[in-house]
Amino acid sequence: MPERVVFLAHCFLNPQAKILGSPDISDLSQKIFTLLWEHKCGVIQLPCPELLHA
């Protein structure tokens, strides 16, 4: 059971879900997963605001 829960936009977890022309953050998702794992955090995914806006 996670000790904490983090609300995180889907596009941070899946960089392929971003719109064309967005910055490449593919290395960021691995860093996020590692940090969440180390701190025993659960994740609740939110829609990507970039995709909702575009």
N, C-alpha and C. Protein backbone atom coordinates (compact mmCIF):
# COMPACT_ATOMS: atom_id res chain seq x y z
N MET A 1 0.85 -1.18 0.00
CA MET A 1 0.00 0.00 0.00
C MET A 1 0.89 1.24 0.00
N PRO A 2 0.61 2.20 -0.90
CA PRO A 2 1.44 3.41 -0.95
C PRO A 2 1.24 4.28 0.29
N GLU A 3 2.31 4.94 0.67
CA GLU A 3 2.25 5.86 1.80
C GLU A 3 1.69 7.22 1.38
N ARG A 4 1.90 7.56 0.11
CA ARG A 4 1.42 8.83 -0.43
C ARG A 4 0.81 8.58 -1.79
N VAL A 5 0.00 9.52 -2.22
CA VAL A 5 -0.58 9.45 -3.56
C VAL A 5 -0.24 10.77 -4.27
N VAL A 6 0.21 10.65 -5.51
CA VAL A 6 0.57 11.81 -6.31
C VAL A 6 -0.38 11.89 -7.49
N PHE A 7 -0.93 13.07 -7.75
CA PHE A 7 -1.75 13.31 -8.92
C PHE A 7 -0.83 13.87 -9.99
N LEU A 8 -0.77 13.17 -11.13
CA LEU A 8 0.21 13.52 -12.15
C LEU A 8 -0.42 13.46 -13.53
N ALA A 9 -0.15 14.46 -14.35
CA ALA A 9 -0.68 14.49 -15.72
C ALA A 9 -0.12 13.31 -16.52
N HIS A 10 -0.97 12.72 -17.31
CA HIS A 10 -0.63 11.54 -18.10
C HIS A 10 0.59 11.76 -18.99
N CYS A 11 0.74 12.95 -19.54
CA CYS A 11 1.84 13.21 -20.47
C CYS A 11 3.21 13.17 -19.80
N PHE A 12 3.28 13.32 -18.49
CA PHE A 12 4.57 13.17 -17.80
C PHE A 12 4.96 11.70 -17.69
N LEU A 13 3.97 10.83 -17.64
CA LEU A 13 4.25 9.40 -17.54
C LEU A 13 4.44 8.76 -18.91
N ASN A 14 3.80 9.31 -19.93
CA ASN A 14 3.91 8.77 -21.28
C ASN A 14 4.22 9.92 -22.24
N PRO A 15 5.50 10.18 -22.51
CA PRO A 15 5.86 11.32 -23.36
C PRO A 15 5.35 11.18 -24.79
N GLN A 16 4.92 9.98 -25.20
CA GLN A 16 4.37 9.80 -26.55
C GLN A 16 2.96 10.39 -26.65
N ALA A 17 2.37 10.73 -25.54
CA ALA A 17 1.00 11.26 -25.53
C ALA A 17 0.97 12.78 -25.69
N LYS A 18 2.09 13.37 -26.02
CA LYS A 18 2.14 14.82 -26.17
C LYS A 18 1.84 15.22 -27.60
N ILE A 19 1.46 16.48 -27.78
CA ILE A 19 1.16 16.95 -29.13
C ILE A 19 2.46 17.24 -29.89
N LEU A 20 2.38 17.21 -31.20
CA LEU A 20 3.53 17.42 -32.07
C LEU A 20 4.15 18.79 -31.80
N GLY A 21 5.45 18.82 -31.68
CA GLY A 21 6.15 20.07 -31.45
C GLY A 21 6.43 20.37 -29.99
N SER A 22 5.95 19.52 -29.08
CA SER A 22 6.22 19.72 -27.66
C SER A 22 7.65 19.31 -27.34
N PRO A 23 8.22 19.85 -26.29
CA PRO A 23 9.58 19.47 -25.91
C PRO A 23 9.66 17.97 -25.60
N ASP A 24 10.81 17.37 -25.88
CA ASP A 24 11.02 15.96 -25.60
C ASP A 24 11.35 15.79 -24.12
N ILE A 25 10.49 15.05 -23.41
CA ILE A 25 10.72 14.83 -21.98
C ILE A 25 10.84 13.33 -21.68
N SER A 26 11.28 12.56 -22.66
CA SER A 26 11.31 11.10 -22.50
C SER A 26 12.17 10.66 -21.31
N ASP A 27 13.25 11.37 -21.02
CA ASP A 27 14.08 10.99 -19.88
C ASP A 27 13.44 11.39 -18.55
N LEU A 28 12.52 12.33 -18.59
CA LEU A 28 11.86 12.80 -17.37
C LEU A 28 10.96 11.72 -16.76
N SER A 29 10.28 10.94 -17.60
CA SER A 29 9.35 9.95 -17.06
C SER A 29 10.08 8.89 -16.23
N GLN A 30 11.26 8.47 -16.66
CA GLN A 30 12.04 7.50 -15.87
C GLN A 30 12.46 8.09 -14.53
N LYS A 31 12.84 9.35 -14.53
CA LYS A 31 13.23 10.02 -13.28
C LYS A 31 12.02 10.12 -12.34
N ILE A 32 10.85 10.40 -12.90
CA ILE A 32 9.64 10.50 -12.09
C ILE A 32 9.31 9.14 -11.47
N PHE A 33 9.34 8.07 -12.30
CA PHE A 33 9.05 6.73 -11.78
C PHE A 33 10.02 6.34 -10.67
N THR A 34 11.29 6.63 -10.85
CA THR A 34 12.30 6.29 -9.85
C THR A 34 12.04 7.04 -8.55
N LEU A 35 11.75 8.31 -8.65
CA LEU A 35 11.48 9.13 -7.46
C LEU A 35 10.24 8.65 -6.72
N LEU A 36 9.19 8.35 -7.48
CA LEU A 36 7.95 7.85 -6.86
C LEU A 36 8.18 6.50 -6.18
N TRP A 37 8.94 5.63 -6.83
CA TRP A 37 9.23 4.30 -6.27
C TRP A 37 10.03 4.43 -4.96
N GLU A 38 11.04 5.29 -4.97
CA GLU A 38 11.88 5.48 -3.78
C GLU A 38 11.08 6.01 -2.59
N HIS A 39 10.08 6.82 -2.87
CA HIS A 39 9.28 7.44 -1.80
C HIS A 39 7.95 6.72 -1.57
N LYS A 40 7.81 5.53 -2.17
CA LYS A 40 6.62 4.68 -1.98
C LYS A 40 5.33 5.44 -2.24
N CYS A 41 5.28 6.08 -3.39
CA CYS A 41 4.11 6.87 -3.77
C CYS A 41 3.26 6.12 -4.79
N GLY A 42 1.97 6.23 -4.63
CA GLY A 42 1.05 5.77 -5.65
C GLY A 42 0.78 6.91 -6.62
N VAL A 43 0.21 6.59 -7.77
CA VAL A 43 -0.03 7.61 -8.79
C VAL A 43 -1.48 7.54 -9.24
N ILE A 44 -2.10 8.70 -9.32
CA ILE A 44 -3.40 8.84 -9.95
C ILE A 44 -3.17 9.71 -11.17
N GLN A 45 -3.46 9.15 -12.34
CA GLN A 45 -3.20 9.87 -13.58
C GLN A 45 -4.35 10.83 -13.89
N LEU A 46 -3.96 12.02 -14.30
CA LEU A 46 -4.90 13.03 -14.75
C LEU A 46 -4.73 13.20 -16.26
N PRO A 47 -5.72 13.73 -16.94
CA PRO A 47 -5.57 13.98 -18.37
C PRO A 47 -4.46 15.00 -18.62
N CYS A 48 -3.85 14.91 -19.77
CA CYS A 48 -2.80 15.86 -20.13
C CYS A 48 -3.44 17.21 -20.46
N PRO A 49 -3.10 18.28 -19.75
CA PRO A 49 -3.72 19.57 -20.03
C PRO A 49 -3.37 20.10 -21.42
N GLU A 50 -2.19 19.73 -21.91
CA GLU A 50 -1.77 20.14 -23.24
C GLU A 50 -2.70 19.57 -24.31
N LEU A 51 -3.06 18.29 -24.16
CA LEU A 51 -3.96 17.68 -25.13
C LEU A 51 -5.39 18.21 -25.00
N LEU A 52 -5.81 18.49 -23.77
CA LEU A 52 -7.14 19.05 -23.58
C LEU A 52 -7.25 20.45 -24.20
N HIS A 53 -6.17 21.20 -24.12
CA HIS A 53 -6.17 22.56 -24.66
C HIS A 53 -6.08 22.56 -26.19
N ALA A 54 -5.26 21.64 -26.73
CA ALA A 54 -5.08 21.60 -28.20
C ALA A 54 -6.24 20.90 -28.78
